[in-house]
């Protein structure tokens, strides 16, 4: 069995691209990231996908720790 590590490519320096890069680098899926950030609703993984595509921006309260 051979193990290969393929590093994900950072598309650009937008917040969505950084989020996608970090998620893929850590081998996480959208659901894991949504659970970590405490997102709820009907489809929290869709929210993460929208953030990664820069289709929507997180509210200011979500960016604070």
PDB file of N, CA and C in Angstrom:
ATOM      1  N   UNK A   1       0.843  -1.172   0.000  1.00  0.00           N
ATOM      2  CA  UNK A   1       0.000   0.000   0.000  1.00  0.00           C
ATOM      3  C   UNK A   1       0.890   1.238   0.000  1.00  0.00           C
ATOM      4  N   UNK A   2       0.674   2.106  -0.935  1.00  0.00           N
ATOM      5  CA  UNK A   2       1.452   3.333  -0.970  1.00  0.00           C
ATOM      6  C   UNK A   2       0.586   4.501  -0.518  1.00  0.00           C
ATOM      7  N   UNK A   3       1.177   5.368   0.246  1.00  0.00           N
ATOM      8  CA  UNK A   3       0.468   6.539   0.749  1.00  0.00           C
ATOM      9  C   UNK A   3       1.009   7.777   0.049  1.00  0.00           C
ATOM     10  N   UNK A   4       0.124   8.523  -0.518  1.00  0.00           N
ATOM     11  CA  UNK A   4       0.489   9.759  -1.177  1.00  0.00           C
ATOM     12  C   UNK A   4      -0.245  10.901  -0.513  1.00  0.00           C
ATOM     13  N   UNK A   5       0.429  12.004  -0.380  1.00  0.00           N
ATOM     14  CA  UNK A   5      -0.174  13.199   0.170  1.00  0.00           C
ATOM     15  C   UNK A   5      -0.244  14.238  -0.930  1.00  0.00           C
ATOM     16  N   UNK A   6      -1.449  14.640  -1.283  1.00  0.00           N
ATOM     17  CA  UNK A   6      -1.643  15.667  -2.279  1.00  0.00           C
ATOM     18  C   UNK A   6      -2.073  16.943  -1.572  1.00  0.00           C
ATOM     19  N   UNK A   7      -1.207  17.921  -1.600  1.00  0.00           N
ATOM     20  CA  UNK A   7      -1.506  19.177  -0.941  1.00  0.00           C
ATOM     21  C   UNK A   7      -2.539  19.936  -1.761  1.00  0.00           C
ATOM     22  N   UNK A   8      -3.589  20.431  -1.108  1.00  0.00           N
ATOM     23  CA  UNK A   8      -4.575  21.218  -1.859  1.00  0.00           C
ATOM     24  C   UNK A   8      -3.958  22.527  -2.340  1.00  0.00           C
ATOM     25  N   UNK A   9      -4.541  23.078  -3.371  1.00  0.00           N
ATOM     26  CA  UNK A   9      -4.017  24.298  -3.976  1.00  0.00           C
ATOM     27  C   UNK A   9      -4.837  25.487  -3.478  1.00  0.00           C
ATOM     28  N   UNK A  10      -4.150  26.531  -3.051  1.00  0.00           N
ATOM     29  CA  UNK A  10      -4.807  27.757  -2.629  1.00  0.00           C
ATOM     30  C   UNK A  10      -5.101  28.590  -3.865  1.00  0.00           C
ATOM     31  N   UNK A  11      -6.377  28.767  -4.186  1.00  0.00           N
ATOM     32  CA  UNK A  11      -6.777  29.464  -5.410  1.00  0.00           C
ATOM     33  C   UNK A  11      -6.387  30.933  -5.391  1.00  0.00           C
ATOM     34  N   UNK A  12      -6.754  31.620  -4.330  1.00  0.00           N
ATOM     35  CA  UNK A  12      -6.454  33.038  -4.170  1.00  0.00           C
ATOM     36  C   UNK A  12      -6.461  33.345  -2.681  1.00  0.00           C
ATOM     37  N   UNK A  13      -6.418  34.591  -2.319  1.00  0.00           N
ATOM     38  CA  UNK A  13      -6.316  34.944  -0.910  1.00  0.00           C
ATOM     39  C   UNK A  13      -7.642  35.406  -0.308  1.00  0.00           C
ATOM     40  N   UNK A  14      -8.758  35.037  -0.919  1.00  0.00           N
ATOM     41  CA  UNK A  14     -10.050  35.379  -0.340  1.00  0.00           C
ATOM     42  C   UNK A  14     -10.313  34.486   0.866  1.00  0.00           C
ATOM     43  N   UNK A  15     -11.217  34.930   1.720  1.00  0.00           N
ATOM     44  CA  UNK A  15     -11.533  34.152   2.916  1.00  0.00           C
ATOM     45  C   UNK A  15     -12.120  32.789   2.555  1.00  0.00           C
ATOM     46  N   UNK A  16     -12.926  32.741   1.487  1.00  0.00           N
ATOM     47  CA  UNK A  16     -13.520  31.479   1.064  1.00  0.00           C
ATOM     48  C   UNK A  16     -12.472  30.485   0.593  1.00  0.00           C
ATOM     49  N   UNK A  17     -11.491  30.963  -0.158  1.00  0.00           N
ATOM     50  CA  UNK A  17     -10.429  30.078  -0.646  1.00  0.00           C
ATOM     51  C   UNK A  17      -9.568  29.584   0.510  1.00  0.00           C
ATOM     52  N   UNK A  18      -9.320  30.451   1.492  1.00  0.00           N
ATOM     53  CA  UNK A  18      -8.547  30.037   2.664  1.00  0.00           C
ATOM     54  C   UNK A  18      -9.293  28.996   3.475  1.00  0.00           C
ATOM     55  N   UNK A  19     -10.614  29.174   3.608  1.00  0.00           N
ATOM     56  CA  UNK A  19     -11.429  28.207   4.336  1.00  0.00           C
ATOM     57  C   UNK A  19     -11.420  26.854   3.630  1.00  0.00           C
ATOM     58  N   UNK A  20     -11.583  26.853   2.313  1.00  0.00           N
ATOM     59  CA  UNK A  20     -11.566  25.603   1.544  1.00  0.00           C
ATOM     60  C   UNK A  20     -10.203  24.924   1.644  1.00  0.00           C
ATOM     61  N   UNK A  21      -9.125  25.704   1.568  1.00  0.00           N
ATOM     62  CA  UNK A  21      -7.780  25.150   1.667  1.00  0.00           C
ATOM     63  C   UNK A  21      -7.572  24.490   3.028  1.00  0.00           C
ATOM     64  N   UNK A  22      -7.926  25.183   4.096  1.00  0.00           N
ATOM     65  CA  UNK A  22      -7.737  24.644   5.445  1.00  0.00           C
ATOM     66  C   UNK A  22      -8.594  23.394   5.665  1.00  0.00           C
ATOM     67  N   UNK A  23      -9.820  23.409   5.142  1.00  0.00           N
ATOM     68  CA  UNK A  23     -10.710  22.255   5.298  1.00  0.00           C
ATOM     69  C   UNK A  23     -10.144  21.034   4.585  1.00  0.00           C
ATOM     70  N   UNK A  24      -9.675  21.210   3.359  1.00  0.00           N
ATOM     71  CA  UNK A  24      -9.115  20.088   2.607  1.00  0.00           C
ATOM     72  C   UNK A  24      -7.785  19.627   3.188  1.00  0.00           C
ATOM     73  N   UNK A  25      -6.990  20.581   3.676  1.00  0.00           N
ATOM     74  CA  UNK A  25      -5.700  20.242   4.271  1.00  0.00           C
ATOM     75  C   UNK A  25      -5.878  19.382   5.518  1.00  0.00           C
ATOM     76  N   UNK A  26      -6.934  19.634   6.279  1.00  0.00           N
ATOM     77  CA  UNK A  26      -7.220  18.874   7.507  1.00  0.00           C
ATOM     78  C   UNK A  26      -8.111  17.655   7.259  1.00  0.00           C
ATOM     79  N   UNK A  27      -8.434  17.374   6.007  1.00  0.00           N
ATOM     80  CA  UNK A  27      -9.292  16.243   5.634  1.00  0.00           C
ATOM     81  C   UNK A  27     -10.645  16.309   6.324  1.00  0.00           C
ATOM     82  N   UNK A  28     -11.251  17.486   6.337  1.00  0.00           N
ATOM     83  CA  UNK A  28     -12.572  17.677   6.924  1.00  0.00           C
ATOM     84  C   UNK A  28     -13.586  17.866   5.808  1.00  0.00           C
ATOM     85  N   UNK A  29     -14.833  17.528   6.100  1.00  0.00           N
ATOM     86  CA  UNK A  29     -15.881  17.834   5.152  1.00  0.00           C
ATOM     87  C   UNK A  29     -16.680  19.031   5.666  1.00  0.00           C
ATOM     88  N   UNK A  30     -17.631  19.484   4.859  1.00  0.00           N
ATOM     89  CA  UNK A  30     -18.378  20.684   5.220  1.00  0.00           C
ATOM     90  C   UNK A  30     -19.151  20.510   6.519  1.00  0.00           C
ATOM     91  N   UNK A  31     -19.653  19.305   6.762  1.00  0.00           N
ATOM     92  CA  UNK A  31     -20.438  19.056   7.970  1.00  0.00           C
ATOM     93  C   UNK A  31     -19.577  19.198   9.228  1.00  0.00           C
ATOM     94  N   UNK A  32     -18.350  18.693   9.182  1.00  0.00           N
ATOM     95  CA  UNK A  32     -17.456  18.831  10.334  1.00  0.00           C
ATOM     96  C   UNK A  32     -17.156  20.294  10.637  1.00  0.00           C
ATOM     97  N   UNK A  33     -16.917  21.075   9.610  1.00  0.00           N
ATOM     98  CA  UNK A  33     -16.617  22.491   9.798  1.00  0.00           C
ATOM     99  C   UNK A  33     -17.843  23.232  10.318  1.00  0.00           C
ATOM    100  N   UNK A  34     -19.016  22.902   9.796  1.00  0.00           N
ATOM    101  CA  UNK A  34     -20.253  23.535  10.263  1.00  0.00           C
ATOM    102  C   UNK A  34     -20.509  23.203  11.732  1.00  0.00           C
ATOM    103  N   UNK A  35     -20.248  21.966  12.130  1.00  0.00           N
ATOM    104  CA  UNK A  35     -20.404  21.595  13.534  1.00  0.00           C
ATOM    105  C   UNK A  35     -19.412  22.337  14.417  1.00  0.00           C
ATOM    106  N   UNK A  36     -18.190  22.507  13.950  1.00  0.00           N
ATOM    107  CA  UNK A  36     -17.166  23.213  14.715  1.00  0.00           C
ATOM    108  C   UNK A  36     -17.569  24.666  14.963  1.00  0.00           C
ATOM    109  N   UNK A  37     -18.110  25.313  13.924  1.00  0.00           N
ATOM    110  CA  UNK A  37     -18.517  26.707  14.059  1.00  0.00           C
ATOM    111  C   UNK A  37     -19.905  26.867  14.662  1.00  0.00           C
ATOM    112  N   UNK A  38     -20.600  25.759  14.895  1.00  0.00           N
ATOM    113  CA  UNK A  38     -21.907  25.824  15.527  1.00  0.00           C
ATOM    114  C   UNK A  38     -23.007  26.336  14.621  1.00  0.00           C
ATOM    115  N   UNK A  39     -22.909  26.051  13.338  1.00  0.00           N
ATOM    116  CA  UNK A  39     -23.932  26.479  12.400  1.00  0.00           C
ATOM    117  C   UNK A  39     -25.124  25.546  12.484  1.00  0.00           C
ATOM    118  N   UNK A  40     -26.303  26.100  12.382  1.00  0.00           N
ATOM    119  CA  UNK A  40     -27.523  25.300  12.423  1.00  0.00           C
ATOM    120  C   UNK A  40     -28.315  25.501  11.150  1.00  0.00           C
ATOM    121  N   UNK A  41     -29.585  25.207  11.224  1.00  0.00           N
ATOM    122  CA  UNK A  41     -30.450  25.401  10.068  1.00  0.00           C
ATOM    123  C   UNK A  41     -30.708  24.106   9.340  1.00  0.00           C
ATOM    124  N   UNK A  42     -31.320  24.231   8.179  1.00  0.00           N
ATOM    125  CA  UNK A  42     -31.696  23.051   7.397  1.00  0.00           C
ATOM    126  C   UNK A  42     -30.477  22.354   6.791  1.00  0.00           C
ATOM    127  N   UNK A  43     -29.530  23.119   6.283  1.00  0.00           N
ATOM    128  CA  UNK A  43     -28.353  22.543   5.621  1.00  0.00           C
ATOM    129  C   UNK A  43     -27.111  23.359   5.966  1.00  0.00           C
ATOM    130  N   UNK A  44     -26.499  23.116   7.128  1.00  0.00           N
ATOM    131  CA  UNK A  44     -25.326  23.905   7.501  1.00  0.00           C
ATOM    132  C   UNK A  44     -24.129  23.691   6.580  1.00  0.00           C
ATOM    133  N   UNK A  45     -24.018  22.524   5.956  1.00  0.00           N
ATOM    134  CA  UNK A  45     -22.914  22.279   5.024  1.00  0.00           C
ATOM    135  C   UNK A  45     -23.031  23.197   3.813  1.00  0.00           C
ATOM    136  N   UNK A  46     -24.270  23.529   3.429  1.00  0.00           N
ATOM    137  CA  UNK A  46     -24.473  24.451   2.308  1.00  0.00           C
ATOM    138  C   UNK A  46     -23.934  25.836   2.642  1.00  0.00           C
ATOM    139  N   UNK A  47     -24.067  26.238   3.896  1.00  0.00           N
ATOM    140  CA  UNK A  47     -23.537  27.532   4.326  1.00  0.00           C
ATOM    141  C   UNK A  47     -22.026  27.562   4.153  1.00  0.00           C
ATOM    142  N   UNK A  48     -21.352  26.488   4.528  1.00  0.00           N
ATOM    143  CA  UNK A  48     -19.899  26.415   4.364  1.00  0.00           C
ATOM    144  C   UNK A  48     -19.532  26.466   2.881  1.00  0.00           C
ATOM    145  N   UNK A  49     -20.275  25.744   2.044  1.00  0.00           N
ATOM    146  CA  UNK A  49     -20.011  25.779   0.600  1.00  0.00           C
ATOM    147  C   UNK A  49     -20.189  27.188   0.048  1.00  0.00           C
ATOM    148  N   UNK A  50     -21.215  27.903   0.522  1.00  0.00           N
ATOM    149  CA  UNK A  50     -21.421  29.283   0.073  1.00  0.00           C
ATOM    150  C   UNK A  50     -20.280  30.185   0.514  1.00  0.00           C
ATOM    151  N   UNK A  51     -19.771  29.980   1.737  1.00  0.00           N
ATOM    152  CA  UNK A  51     -18.624  30.756   2.204  1.00  0.00           C
ATOM    153  C   UNK A  51     -17.408  30.482   1.316  1.00  0.00           C
ATOM    154  N   UNK A  52     -17.194  29.224   0.964  1.00  0.00           N
ATOM    155  CA  UNK A  52     -16.034  28.859   0.151  1.00  0.00           C
ATOM    156  C   UNK A  52     -16.127  29.416  -1.263  1.00  0.00           C
ATOM    157  N   UNK A  53     -17.314  29.526  -1.797  1.00  0.00           N
ATOM    158  CA  UNK A  53     -17.494  30.089  -3.137  1.00  0.00           C
ATOM    159  C   UNK A  53     -17.575  31.605  -3.118  1.00  0.00           C
ATOM    160  N   UNK A  54     -17.541  32.199  -1.919  1.00  0.00           N
ATOM    161  CA  UNK A  54     -17.707  33.643  -1.726  1.00  0.00           C
ATOM    162  C   UNK A  54     -19.066  34.118  -2.210  1.00  0.00           C
ATOM    163  N   UNK A  55     -20.062  33.235  -2.162  1.00  0.00           N
ATOM    164  CA  UNK A  55     -21.424  33.598  -2.542  1.00  0.00           C
ATOM    165  C   UNK A  55     -22.107  34.376  -1.425  1.00  0.00           C
ATOM    166  N   UNK A  56     -21.680  34.170  -0.206  1.00  0.00           N
ATOM    167  CA  UNK A  56     -22.205  34.899   0.944  1.00  0.00           C
ATOM    168  C   UNK A  56     -21.075  35.147   1.916  1.00  0.00           C
ATOM    169  N   UNK A  57     -21.236  36.143   2.749  1.00  0.00           N
ATOM    170  CA  UNK A  57     -20.218  36.465   3.737  1.00  0.00           C
ATOM    171  C   UNK A  57     -20.766  36.174   5.124  1.00  0.00           C
ATOM    172  N   UNK A  58     -19.928  35.698   6.031  1.00  0.00           N
ATOM    173  CA  UNK A  58     -20.402  35.459   7.394  1.00  0.00           C
ATOM    174  C   UNK A  58     -20.727  36.773   8.098  1.00  0.00           C
ATOM    175  N   UNK A  59     -21.668  36.712   9.014  1.00  0.00           N
ATOM    176  CA  UNK A  59     -21.994  37.885   9.808  1.00  0.00           C
ATOM    177  C   UNK A  59     -20.799  38.265  10.669  1.00  0.00           C
ATOM    178  N   UNK A  60     -20.728  39.516  11.063  1.00  0.00           N
ATOM    179  CA  UNK A  60     -19.587  40.003  11.831  1.00  0.00           C
ATOM    180  C   UNK A  60     -19.425  39.226  13.130  1.00  0.00           C
ATOM    181  N   UNK A  61     -20.495  38.830  13.770  1.00  0.00           N
ATOM    182  CA  UNK A  61     -20.421  38.078  15.024  1.00  0.00           C
ATOM    183  C   UNK A  61     -19.794  36.714  14.863  1.00  0.00           C
ATOM    184  N   UNK A  62     -19.890  36.126  13.704  1.00  0.00           N
ATOM    185  CA  UNK A  62     -19.300  34.801  13.472  1.00  0.00           C
ATOM    186  C   UNK A  62     -17.791  34.871  13.313  1.00  0.00           C
ATOM    187  N   UNK A  63     -17.281  36.034  12.934  1.00  0.00           N
ATOM    188  CA  UNK A  63     -15.848  36.171  12.712  1.00  0.00           C
ATOM    189  C   UNK A  63     -15.085  36.383  14.021  1.00  0.00           C
ATOM    190  N   UNK A  64     -15.787  36.795  15.054  1.00  0.00           N
ATOM    191  CA  UNK A  64     -15.137  37.030  16.337  1.00  0.00           C
ATOM    192  C   UNK A  64     -15.007  35.736  17.097  1.00  0.00           C
ATOM    193  N   UNK A  65     -14.001  35.645  17.942  1.00  0.00           N
ATOM    194  CA  UNK A  65     -13.786  34.427  18.709  1.00  0.00           C
ATOM    195  C   UNK A  65     -14.526  34.456  20.001  1.00  0.00           C
TER     196      UNK A  65
END
